[in-house]
C-alpha cells in the first residue's frame, strides 16, 4: 500500500478561507492510490460484497470547523488544529476500509 503525501496548508488557503467565511469540512480518504495509481488510466474495481482488494476505498467526513473557531486560535494554531482534524478522519477512513 502506498500512501499519499499530506500537503501542509499554505497562507493562501488560510486567507481564502478567512475571506470566504465558509466552514471547513475535514475529510479523510483511504485507498485512493491503490484504487487509481498514477500509472494507470483505468481504476481497480472492488465489488461491494466481496473481500477487499486493491480497489477498496473508504471516506470519512468530520464535523465542520467554523471560521469563528479558527479565529480564536490564531493562524499557526489553527493550521495545526486543521491538520489534526484531517489526520483523525484519515485514520477513521483507514479503519473503515475493507481489508484484503
PDB file of N, CA and C in Angstrom:
ATOM      1  N   UNK A   1       0.842  -1.180   0.000  1.00  0.00           N
ATOM      2  CA  UNK A   1       0.000   0.000   0.000  1.00  0.00           C
ATOM      3  C   UNK A   1       0.882   1.236   0.000  1.00  0.00           C
ATOM      4  N   UNK A   2       0.599   2.134  -0.887  1.00  0.00           N
ATOM      5  CA  UNK A   2       1.356   3.377  -0.946  1.00  0.00           C
ATOM      6  C   UNK A   2       0.495   4.497  -0.366  1.00  0.00           C
ATOM      7  N   UNK A   3       1.126   5.367   0.391  1.00  0.00           N
ATOM      8  CA  UNK A   3       0.403   6.479   0.999  1.00  0.00           C
ATOM      9  C   UNK A   3       0.670   7.755   0.238  1.00  0.00           C
ATOM     10  N   UNK A   4      -0.381   8.541   0.090  1.00  0.00           N
ATOM     11  CA  UNK A   4      -0.205   9.859  -0.500  1.00  0.00           C
ATOM     12  C   UNK A   4       0.441  10.787   0.514  1.00  0.00           C
ATOM     13  N   UNK A   5       0.923  11.875   0.051  1.00  0.00           N
ATOM     14  CA  UNK A   5       1.566  12.825   0.957  1.00  0.00           C
ATOM     15  C   UNK A   5       0.560  13.834   1.470  1.00  0.00           C
ATOM     16  N   UNK A   6       0.734  14.200   2.709  1.00  0.00           N
ATOM     17  CA  UNK A   6      -0.130  15.184   3.332  1.00  0.00           C
ATOM     18  C   UNK A   6       0.498  16.544   3.099  1.00  0.00           C
ATOM     19  N   UNK A   7      -0.142  17.359   2.281  1.00  0.00           N
ATOM     20  CA  UNK A   7       0.394  18.685   1.969  1.00  0.00           C
ATOM     21  C   UNK A   7       0.110  19.644   3.128  1.00  0.00           C
ATOM     22  N   UNK A   8       1.088  20.435   3.464  1.00  0.00           N
ATOM     23  CA  UNK A   8       0.915  21.416   4.529  1.00  0.00           C
ATOM     24  C   UNK A   8       0.114  22.588   3.990  1.00  0.00           C
ATOM     25  N   UNK A   9      -0.819  23.064   4.806  1.00  0.00           N
ATOM     26  CA  UNK A   9      -1.649  24.197   4.397  1.00  0.00           C
ATOM     27  C   UNK A   9      -0.778  25.428   4.216  1.00  0.00           C
ATOM     28  N   UNK A  10      -1.119  26.203   3.241  1.00  0.00           N
ATOM     29  CA  UNK A  10      -0.361  27.409   2.975  1.00  0.00           C
ATOM     30  C   UNK A  10      -1.126  28.633   3.458  1.00  0.00           C
ATOM     31  N   UNK A  11      -0.454  29.775   3.438  1.00  0.00           N
ATOM     32  CA  UNK A  11      -1.097  31.023   3.819  1.00  0.00           C
ATOM     33  C   UNK A  11      -2.247  31.339   2.875  1.00  0.00           C
ATOM     34  N   UNK A  12      -2.113  30.951   1.621  1.00  0.00           N
ATOM     35  CA  UNK A  12      -3.162  31.211   0.637  1.00  0.00           C
ATOM     36  C   UNK A  12      -4.455  30.521   1.080  1.00  0.00           C
ATOM     37  N   UNK A  13      -4.343  29.272   1.519  1.00  0.00           N
ATOM     38  CA  UNK A  13      -5.520  28.543   1.993  1.00  0.00           C
ATOM     39  C   UNK A  13      -6.147  29.271   3.169  1.00  0.00           C
ATOM     40  N   UNK A  14      -5.334  29.662   4.125  1.00  0.00           N
ATOM     41  CA  UNK A  14      -5.844  30.301   5.332  1.00  0.00           C
ATOM     42  C   UNK A  14      -6.555  31.607   4.997  1.00  0.00           C
ATOM     43  N   UNK A  15      -5.942  32.434   4.155  1.00  0.00           N
ATOM     44  CA  UNK A  15      -6.551  33.719   3.813  1.00  0.00           C
ATOM     45  C   UNK A  15      -7.816  33.550   2.964  1.00  0.00           C
ATOM     46  N   UNK A  16      -7.826  32.569   2.060  1.00  0.00           N
ATOM     47  CA  UNK A  16      -9.018  32.364   1.238  1.00  0.00           C
ATOM     48  C   UNK A  16     -10.179  31.869   2.098  1.00  0.00           C
ATOM     49  N   UNK A  17      -9.890  31.028   3.078  1.00  0.00           N
ATOM     50  CA  UNK A  17     -10.941  30.562   3.983  1.00  0.00           C
ATOM     51  C   UNK A  17     -11.463  31.718   4.816  1.00  0.00           C
ATOM     52  N   UNK A  18     -10.562  32.541   5.296  1.00  0.00           N
ATOM     53  CA  UNK A  18     -10.948  33.671   6.129  1.00  0.00           C
ATOM     54  C   UNK A  18     -11.814  34.656   5.332  1.00  0.00           C
ATOM     55  N   UNK A  19     -11.444  34.889   4.088  1.00  0.00           N
ATOM     56  CA  UNK A  19     -12.192  35.829   3.246  1.00  0.00           C
ATOM     57  C   UNK A  19     -13.576  35.280   2.896  1.00  0.00           C
ATOM     58  N   UNK A  20     -13.669  33.984   2.607  1.00  0.00           N
ATOM     59  CA  UNK A  20     -14.960  33.408   2.206  1.00  0.00           C
ATOM     60  C   UNK A  20     -15.896  33.229   3.397  1.00  0.00           C
ATOM     61  N   UNK A  21     -15.345  32.963   4.566  1.00  0.00           N
ATOM     62  CA  UNK A  21     -16.181  32.739   5.744  1.00  0.00           C
ATOM     63  C   UNK A  21     -16.865  31.383   5.748  1.00  0.00           C
ATOM     64  N   UNK A  22     -16.471  30.514   4.848  1.00  0.00           N
ATOM     65  CA  UNK A  22     -17.087  29.189   4.756  1.00  0.00           C
ATOM     66  C   UNK A  22     -16.480  28.243   5.787  1.00  0.00           C
ATOM     67  N   UNK A  23     -17.281  27.357   6.348  1.00  0.00           N
ATOM     68  CA  UNK A  23     -16.716  26.358   7.259  1.00  0.00           C
ATOM     69  C   UNK A  23     -15.853  25.363   6.488  1.00  0.00           C
ATOM     70  N   UNK A  24     -14.944  24.741   7.199  1.00  0.00           N
ATOM     71  CA  UNK A  24     -14.050  23.742   6.601  1.00  0.00           C
ATOM     72  C   UNK A  24     -14.530  22.366   7.023  1.00  0.00           C
ATOM     73  N   UNK A  25     -14.623  21.467   6.058  1.00  0.00           N
ATOM     74  CA  UNK A  25     -15.078  20.114   6.306  1.00  0.00           C
ATOM     75  C   UNK A  25     -13.884  19.167   6.223  1.00  0.00           C
ATOM     76  N   UNK A  26     -13.422  18.646   7.363  1.00  0.00           N
ATOM     77  CA  UNK A  26     -12.290  17.715   7.320  1.00  0.00           C
ATOM     78  C   UNK A  26     -12.716  16.370   6.725  1.00  0.00           C
ATOM     79  N   UNK A  27     -11.951  15.897   5.745  1.00  0.00           N
ATOM     80  CA  UNK A  27     -12.273  14.655   5.045  1.00  0.00           C
ATOM     81  C   UNK A  27     -11.030  13.785   4.994  1.00  0.00           C
ATOM     82  N   UNK A  28     -11.217  12.494   5.246  1.00  0.00           N
ATOM     83  CA  UNK A  28     -10.136  11.524   5.119  1.00  0.00           C
ATOM     84  C   UNK A  28     -10.498  10.489   4.075  1.00  0.00           C
ATOM     85  N   UNK A  29      -9.552  10.157   3.213  1.00  0.00           N
ATOM     86  CA  UNK A  29      -9.776   9.163   2.157  1.00  0.00           C
ATOM     87  C   UNK A  29      -8.695   8.092   2.278  1.00  0.00           C
ATOM     88  N   UNK A  30      -9.119   6.834   2.324  1.00  0.00           N
ATOM     89  CA  UNK A  30      -8.177   5.717   2.405  1.00  0.00           C
ATOM     90  C   UNK A  30      -8.324   4.851   1.163  1.00  0.00           C
ATOM     91  N   UNK A  31      -7.216   4.465   0.570  1.00  0.00           N
ATOM     92  CA  UNK A  31      -7.224   3.538  -0.553  1.00  0.00           C
ATOM     93  C   UNK A  31      -7.297   4.171  -1.926  1.00  0.00           C
ATOM     94  N   UNK A  32      -7.262   5.480  -2.006  1.00  0.00           N
ATOM     95  CA  UNK A  32      -7.388   6.139  -3.311  1.00  0.00           C
ATOM     96  C   UNK A  32      -6.206   5.800  -4.225  1.00  0.00           C
ATOM     97  N   UNK A  33      -5.012   5.761  -3.682  1.00  0.00           N
ATOM     98  CA  UNK A  33      -3.847   5.469  -4.524  1.00  0.00           C
ATOM     99  C   UNK A  33      -3.913   4.032  -5.048  1.00  0.00           C
ATOM    100  N   UNK A  34      -4.352   3.099  -4.196  1.00  0.00           N
ATOM    101  CA  UNK A  34      -4.462   1.705  -4.639  1.00  0.00           C
ATOM    102  C   UNK A  34      -5.559   1.535  -5.687  1.00  0.00           C
ATOM    103  N   UNK A  35      -6.636   2.294  -5.541  1.00  0.00           N
ATOM    104  CA  UNK A  35      -7.751   2.180  -6.481  1.00  0.00           C
ATOM    105  C   UNK A  35      -7.416   2.787  -7.837  1.00  0.00           C
ATOM    106  N   UNK A  36      -6.657   3.866  -7.838  1.00  0.00           N
ATOM    107  CA  UNK A  36      -6.296   4.523  -9.095  1.00  0.00           C
ATOM    108  C   UNK A  36      -4.874   5.068  -9.005  1.00  0.00           C
ATOM    109  N   UNK A  37      -3.875   4.183  -9.172  1.00  0.00           N
ATOM    110  CA  UNK A  37      -2.493   4.645  -9.164  1.00  0.00           C
ATOM    111  C   UNK A  37      -2.237   5.632 -10.307  1.00  0.00           C
ATOM    112  N   UNK A  38      -1.255   6.482 -10.134  1.00  0.00           N
ATOM    113  CA  UNK A  38      -0.939   7.482 -11.164  1.00  0.00           C
ATOM    114  C   UNK A  38      -0.518   6.856 -12.485  1.00  0.00           C
ATOM    115  N   UNK A  39      -0.050   5.627 -12.443  1.00  0.00           N
ATOM    116  CA  UNK A  39       0.481   4.980 -13.645  1.00  0.00           C
ATOM    117  C   UNK A  39      -0.594   4.299 -14.480  1.00  0.00           C
ATOM    118  N   UNK A  40      -1.872   4.325 -14.032  1.00  0.00           N
ATOM    119  CA  UNK A  40      -2.933   3.664 -14.785  1.00  0.00           C
ATOM    120  C   UNK A  40      -4.025   4.642 -15.188  1.00  0.00           C
ATOM    121  N   UNK A  41      -4.755   4.258 -16.215  1.00  0.00           N
ATOM    122  CA  UNK A  41      -5.888   5.066 -16.665  1.00  0.00           C
ATOM    123  C   UNK A  41      -7.225   4.482 -16.216  1.00  0.00           C
ATOM    124  N   UNK A  42      -7.225   3.190 -15.928  1.00  0.00           N
ATOM    125  CA  UNK A  42      -8.463   2.504 -15.537  1.00  0.00           C
ATOM    126  C   UNK A  42      -8.353   2.135 -14.058  1.00  0.00           C
ATOM    127  N   UNK A  43      -9.362   2.485 -13.255  1.00  0.00           N
ATOM    128  CA  UNK A  43      -9.298   2.173 -11.825  1.00  0.00           C
ATOM    129  C   UNK A  43      -9.418   0.684 -11.543  1.00  0.00           C
ATOM    130  N   UNK A  44      -8.877   0.263 -10.402  1.00  0.00           N
ATOM    131  CA  UNK A  44      -9.059  -1.103  -9.914  1.00  0.00           C
ATOM    132  C   UNK A  44     -10.403  -1.142  -9.189  1.00  0.00           C
ATOM    133  N   UNK A  45     -11.305  -2.001  -9.641  1.00  0.00           N
ATOM    134  CA  UNK A  45     -12.622  -2.061  -9.036  1.00  0.00           C
ATOM    135  C   UNK A  45     -12.659  -3.088  -7.909  1.00  0.00           C
ATOM    136  N   UNK A  46     -13.481  -2.841  -6.921  1.00  0.00           N
ATOM    137  CA  UNK A  46     -13.646  -3.738  -5.790  1.00  0.00           C
ATOM    138  C   UNK A  46     -15.146  -3.913  -5.569  1.00  0.00           C
ATOM    139  N   UNK A  47     -15.720  -5.048  -5.974  1.00  0.00           N
ATOM    140  CA  UNK A  47     -17.161  -5.257  -5.794  1.00  0.00           C
ATOM    141  C   UNK A  47     -17.569  -5.122  -4.328  1.00  0.00           C
ATOM    142  N   UNK A  48     -18.763  -4.645  -4.113  1.00  0.00           N
ATOM    143  CA  UNK A  48     -19.239  -4.305  -2.778  1.00  0.00           C
ATOM    144  C   UNK A  48     -19.273  -5.481  -1.814  1.00  0.00           C
ATOM    145  N   UNK A  49     -19.739  -6.641  -2.252  1.00  0.00           N
ATOM    146  CA  UNK A  49     -19.929  -7.753  -1.330  1.00  0.00           C
ATOM    147  C   UNK A  49     -18.848  -8.825  -1.400  1.00  0.00           C
ATOM    148  N   UNK A  50     -17.676  -8.461  -1.878  1.00  0.00           N
ATOM    149  CA  UNK A  50     -16.544  -9.382  -1.901  1.00  0.00           C
ATOM    150  C   UNK A  50     -15.453  -8.818  -0.999  1.00  0.00           C
ATOM    151  N   UNK A  51     -14.459  -9.655  -0.706  1.00  0.00           N
ATOM    152  CA  UNK A  51     -13.374  -9.169   0.147  1.00  0.00           C
ATOM    153  C   UNK A  51     -12.633  -8.028  -0.522  1.00  0.00           C
ATOM    154  N   UNK A  52     -12.023  -7.179   0.314  1.00  0.00           N
ATOM    155  CA  UNK A  52     -11.316  -6.013  -0.200  1.00  0.00           C
ATOM    156  C   UNK A  52     -10.122  -6.409  -1.059  1.00  0.00           C
ATOM    157  N   UNK A  53      -9.940  -5.682  -2.127  1.00  0.00           N
ATOM    158  CA  UNK A  53      -8.773  -5.867  -2.974  1.00  0.00           C
ATOM    159  C   UNK A  53      -8.142  -4.508  -3.173  1.00  0.00           C
ATOM    160  N   UNK A  54      -7.343  -4.366  -4.194  1.00  0.00           N
ATOM    161  CA  UNK A  54      -6.672  -3.093  -4.429  1.00  0.00           C
ATOM    162  C   UNK A  54      -7.615  -1.931  -4.669  1.00  0.00           C
ATOM    163  N   UNK A  55      -8.846  -2.198  -5.086  1.00  0.00           N
ATOM    164  CA  UNK A  55      -9.774  -1.118  -5.390  1.00  0.00           C
ATOM    165  C   UNK A  55     -10.606  -0.645  -4.211  1.00  0.00           C
ATOM    166  N   UNK A  56     -10.435  -1.253  -3.030  1.00  0.00           N
ATOM    167  CA  UNK A  56     -11.250  -0.866  -1.876  1.00  0.00           C
ATOM    168  C   UNK A  56     -10.853   0.525  -1.381  1.00  0.00           C
ATOM    169  N   UNK A  57     -11.866   1.357  -1.175  1.00  0.00           N
ATOM    170  CA  UNK A  57     -11.652   2.719  -0.676  1.00  0.00           C
ATOM    171  C   UNK A  57     -12.630   2.990   0.454  1.00  0.00           C
ATOM    172  N   UNK A  58     -12.315   3.986   1.270  1.00  0.00           N
ATOM    173  CA  UNK A  58     -13.223   4.445   2.319  1.00  0.00           C
ATOM    174  C   UNK A  58     -13.046   5.941   2.484  1.00  0.00           C
ATOM    175  N   UNK A  59     -14.140   6.609   2.836  1.00  0.00           N
ATOM    176  CA  UNK A  59     -14.130   8.051   3.050  1.00  0.00           C
ATOM    177  C   UNK A  59     -14.758   8.328   4.406  1.00  0.00           C
ATOM    178  N   UNK A  60     -14.133   9.210   5.164  1.00  0.00           N
ATOM    179  CA  UNK A  60     -14.672   9.635   6.456  1.00  0.00           C
ATOM    180  C   UNK A  60     -14.782  11.158   6.443  1.00  0.00           C
ATOM    181  N   UNK A  61     -15.970  11.656   6.807  1.00  0.00           N
ATOM    182  CA  UNK A  61     -16.218  13.094   6.809  1.00  0.00           C
ATOM    183  C   UNK A  61     -16.477  13.541   8.238  1.00  0.00           C
ATOM    184  N   UNK A  62     -15.707  14.510   8.689  1.00  0.00           N
ATOM    185  CA  UNK A  62     -15.830  15.014  10.051  1.00  0.00           C
ATOM    186  C   UNK A  62     -16.821  16.154  10.162  1.00  0.00           C
ATOM    187  N   UNK A  63     -16.941  16.663  11.375  1.00  0.00           N
ATOM    188  CA  UNK A  63     -17.824  17.800  11.627  1.00  0.00           C
ATOM    189  C   UNK A  63     -17.178  19.078  11.097  1.00  0.00           C
ATOM    190  N   UNK A  64     -17.984  19.998  10.572  1.00  0.00           N
ATOM    191  CA  UNK A  64     -17.435  21.252  10.051  1.00  0.00           C
ATOM    192  C   UNK A  64     -16.738  22.072  11.129  1.00  0.00           C
ATOM    193  N   UNK A  65     -15.669  22.729  10.727  1.00  0.00           N
ATOM    194  CA  UNK A  65     -14.947  23.651  11.605  1.00  0.00           C
ATOM    195  C   UNK A  65     -15.321  25.057  11.158  1.00  0.00           C
ATOM    196  N   UNK A  66     -15.869  25.833  12.064  1.00  0.00           N
ATOM    197  CA  UNK A  66     -16.354  27.172  11.707  1.00  0.00           C
ATOM    198  C   UNK A  66     -15.213  28.184  11.716  1.00  0.00           C
ATOM    199  N   UNK A  67     -15.367  29.258  10.958  1.00  0.00           N
ATOM    200  CA  UNK A  67     -14.357  30.319  10.961  1.00  0.00           C
ATOM    201  C   UNK A  67     -14.159  30.928  12.355  1.00  0.00           C
ATOM    202  N   UNK A  68     -15.231  30.977  13.144  1.00  0.00           N
ATOM    203  CA  UNK A  68     -15.120  31.527  14.496  1.00  0.00           C
ATOM    204  C   UNK A  68     -14.166  30.704  15.354  1.00  0.00           C
ATOM    205  N   UNK A  69     -14.224  29.380  15.212  1.00  0.00           N
ATOM    206  CA  UNK A  69     -13.311  28.506  15.956  1.00  0.00           C
ATOM    207  C   UNK A  69     -11.856  28.797  15.595  1.00  0.00           C
ATOM    208  N   UNK A  70     -11.615  29.017  14.307  1.00  0.00           N
ATOM    209  CA  UNK A  70     -10.249  29.240  13.841  1.00  0.00           C
ATOM    210  C   UNK A  70      -9.726  30.614  14.240  1.00  0.00           C
ATOM    211  N   UNK A  71     -10.588  31.614  14.225  1.00  0.00           N
ATOM    212  CA  UNK A  71     -10.157  32.969  14.570  1.00  0.00           C
ATOM    213  C   UNK A  71      -9.676  33.060  16.008  1.00  0.00           C
ATOM    214  N   UNK A  72     -10.304  32.303  16.906  1.00  0.00           N
ATOM    215  CA  UNK A  72      -9.908  32.306  18.308  1.00  0.00           C
ATOM    216  C   UNK A  72      -8.492  31.777  18.505  1.00  0.00           C
ATOM    217  N   UNK A  73      -8.049  30.899  17.628  1.00  0.00           N
ATOM    218  CA  UNK A  73      -6.759  30.224  17.794  1.00  0.00           C
ATOM    219  C   UNK A  73      -5.583  31.010  17.238  1.00  0.00           C
ATOM    220  N   UNK A  74      -5.782  31.796  16.238  1.00  0.00           N
ATOM    221  CA  UNK A  74      -4.657  32.395  15.533  1.00  0.00           C
ATOM    222  C   UNK A  74      -4.232  31.484  14.397  1.00  0.00           C
ATOM    223  N   UNK A  75      -3.467  32.012  13.454  1.00  0.00           N
ATOM    224  CA  UNK A  75      -3.141  31.291  12.226  1.00  0.00           C
ATOM    225  C   UNK A  75      -2.369  30.006  12.465  1.00  0.00           C
ATOM    226  N   UNK A  76      -1.270  30.056  13.199  1.00  0.00           N
ATOM    227  CA  UNK A  76      -0.427  28.864  13.362  1.00  0.00           C
ATOM    228  C   UNK A  76      -1.167  27.739  14.093  1.00  0.00           C
ATOM    229  N   UNK A  77      -1.834  28.075  15.191  1.00  0.00           N
ATOM    230  CA  UNK A  77      -2.570  27.052  15.943  1.00  0.00           C
ATOM    231  C   UNK A  77      -3.734  26.506  15.124  1.00  0.00           C
ATOM    232  N   UNK A  78      -4.367  27.370  14.334  1.00  0.00           N
ATOM    233  CA  UNK A  78      -5.486  26.932  13.504  1.00  0.00           C
ATOM    234  C   UNK A  78      -5.027  25.925  12.450  1.00  0.00           C
ATOM    235  N   UNK A  79      -3.882  26.164  11.846  1.00  0.00           N
ATOM    236  CA  UNK A  79      -3.362  25.240  10.836  1.00  0.00           C
ATOM    237  C   UNK A  79      -3.021  23.886  11.454  1.00  0.00           C
ATOM    238  N   UNK A  80      -2.434  23.892  12.643  1.00  0.00           N
ATOM    239  CA  UNK A  80      -2.128  22.639  13.340  1.00  0.00           C
ATOM    240  C   UNK A  80      -3.425  21.920  13.698  1.00  0.00           C
ATOM    241  N   UNK A  81      -4.406  22.666  14.189  1.00  0.00           N
ATOM    242  CA  UNK A  81      -5.715  22.100  14.547  1.00  0.00           C
ATOM    243  C   UNK A  81      -6.366  21.430  13.338  1.00  0.00           C
ATOM    244  N   UNK A  82      -6.364  22.116  12.197  1.00  0.00           N
ATOM    245  CA  UNK A  82      -6.966  21.552  10.989  1.00  0.00           C
ATOM    246  C   UNK A  82      -6.236  20.302  10.515  1.00  0.00           C
ATOM    247  N   UNK A  83      -4.918  20.335  10.589  1.00  0.00           N
ATOM    248  CA  UNK A  83      -4.143  19.156  10.187  1.00  0.00           C
ATOM    249  C   UNK A  83      -4.500  17.970  11.076  1.00  0.00           C
ATOM    250  N   UNK A  84      -4.637  18.199  12.382  1.00  0.00           N
ATOM    251  CA  UNK A  84      -5.004  17.123  13.305  1.00  0.00           C
ATOM    252  C   UNK A  84      -6.393  16.574  12.986  1.00  0.00           C
ATOM    253  N   UNK A  85      -7.329  17.468  12.689  1.00  0.00           N
ATOM    254  CA  UNK A  85      -8.698  17.037  12.355  1.00  0.00           C
ATOM    255  C   UNK A  85      -8.700  16.173  11.094  1.00  0.00           C
ATOM    256  N   UNK A  86      -7.947  16.578  10.097  1.00  0.00           N
ATOM    257  CA  UNK A  86      -7.894  15.816   8.847  1.00  0.00           C
ATOM    258  C   UNK A  86      -7.205  14.468   9.072  1.00  0.00           C
ATOM    259  N   UNK A  87      -6.137  14.451   9.860  1.00  0.00           N
ATOM    260  CA  UNK A  87      -5.464  13.182  10.164  1.00  0.00           C
ATOM    261  C   UNK A  87      -6.385  12.238  10.934  1.00  0.00           C
ATOM    262  N   UNK A  88      -7.236  12.770  11.817  1.00  0.00           N
ATOM    263  CA  UNK A  88      -8.231  11.944  12.510  1.00  0.00           C
ATOM    264  C   UNK A  88      -9.163  11.274  11.504  1.00  0.00           C
ATOM    265  N   UNK A  89      -9.606  12.040  10.517  1.00  0.00           N
ATOM    266  CA  UNK A  89     -10.513  11.497   9.508  1.00  0.00           C
ATOM    267  C   UNK A  89      -9.810  10.482   8.621  1.00  0.00           C
ATOM    268  N   UNK A  90      -8.538  10.692   8.328  1.00  0.00           N
ATOM    269  CA  UNK A  90      -7.774   9.709   7.556  1.00  0.00           C
ATOM    270  C   UNK A  90      -7.678   8.398   8.327  1.00  0.00           C
ATOM    271  N   UNK A  91      -7.415   8.487   9.630  1.00  0.00           N
ATOM    272  CA  UNK A  91      -7.343   7.281  10.467  1.00  0.00           C
ATOM    273  C   UNK A  91      -8.694   6.566  10.517  1.00  0.00           C
ATOM    274  N   UNK A  92      -9.792   7.321  10.604  1.00  0.00           N
ATOM    275  CA  UNK A  92     -11.125   6.717  10.606  1.00  0.00           C
ATOM    276  C   UNK A  92     -11.388   6.028   9.267  1.00  0.00           C
ATOM    277  N   UNK A  93     -10.999   6.656   8.174  1.00  0.00           N
ATOM    278  CA  UNK A  93     -11.189   6.068   6.853  1.00  0.00           C
ATOM    279  C   UNK A  93     -10.381   4.780   6.725  1.00  0.00           C
ATOM    280  N   UNK A  94      -9.163   4.768   7.238  1.00  0.00           N
ATOM    281  CA  UNK A  94      -8.340   3.552   7.196  1.00  0.00           C
ATOM    282  C   UNK A  94      -9.001   2.420   7.984  1.00  0.00           C
ATOM    283  N   UNK A  95      -9.632   2.751   9.097  1.00  0.00           N
ATOM    284  CA  UNK A  95     -10.320   1.744   9.899  1.00  0.00           C
ATOM    285  C   UNK A  95     -11.567   1.216   9.175  1.00  0.00           C
ATOM    286  N   UNK A  96     -12.220   2.067   8.381  1.00  0.00           N
ATOM    287  CA  UNK A  96     -13.422   1.677   7.659  1.00  0.00           C
ATOM    288  C   UNK A  96     -13.128   0.856   6.403  1.00  0.00           C
ATOM    289  N   UNK A  97     -11.950   1.028   5.839  1.00  0.00           N
ATOM    290  CA  UNK A  97     -11.616   0.378   4.565  1.00  0.00           C
ATOM    291  C   UNK A  97     -11.595  -1.127   4.723  1.00  0.00           C
ATOM    292  N   UNK A  98     -12.200  -1.796   3.755  1.00  0.00           N
ATOM    293  CA  UNK A  98     -12.195  -3.273   3.775  1.00  0.00           C
ATOM    294  C   UNK A  98     -10.771  -3.772   3.588  1.00  0.00           C
ATOM    295  N   UNK A  99     -10.441  -4.782   4.352  1.00  0.00           N
ATOM    296  CA  UNK A  99      -9.092  -5.358   4.303  1.00  0.00           C
ATOM    297  C   UNK A  99      -9.041  -6.475   3.288  1.00  0.00           C
ATOM    298  N   UNK A 100      -7.837  -6.754   2.834  1.00  0.00           N
ATOM    299  CA  UNK A 100      -7.619  -7.826   1.844  1.00  0.00           C
ATOM    300  C   UNK A 100      -7.805  -9.175   2.492  1.00  0.00           C
TER     301      UNK A 100
END
